């Protein structure tokens, strides 16, 4: 069984891809995680929370644009590009966190 948080993230990805309609109730766990991460004292974790919140708002905007614009219109393409940029920023922050943990653990071990 897939955890609700992961399922909500997958649904958000489907909204961005255009294969699912946006329903705010589907993304409650995703927003809860984003809110918790934004409050974290670690700067990188807080950044990931802010980017997750931006991604949610981007999916909202995409859904509203799709109601009035054709799929290949410039506003929708720009919003999709923004979603890709946000996801890349989340991935870079995740990589930074992993590198930081590895560096910290290496110094403890004496490598």
Foldseek 3Di string as FASTA:
>chain_A
DDDLLVQLVVVLVCLLVPNDADDVVSNVSLLVCLVVQCPDPDPLSVLLSVLSVVSSVLSVVLNVCVVPDPCPDPVSVVSSVVNVVSVVSNVVSVVVVVVVVVVVVCVVVVD
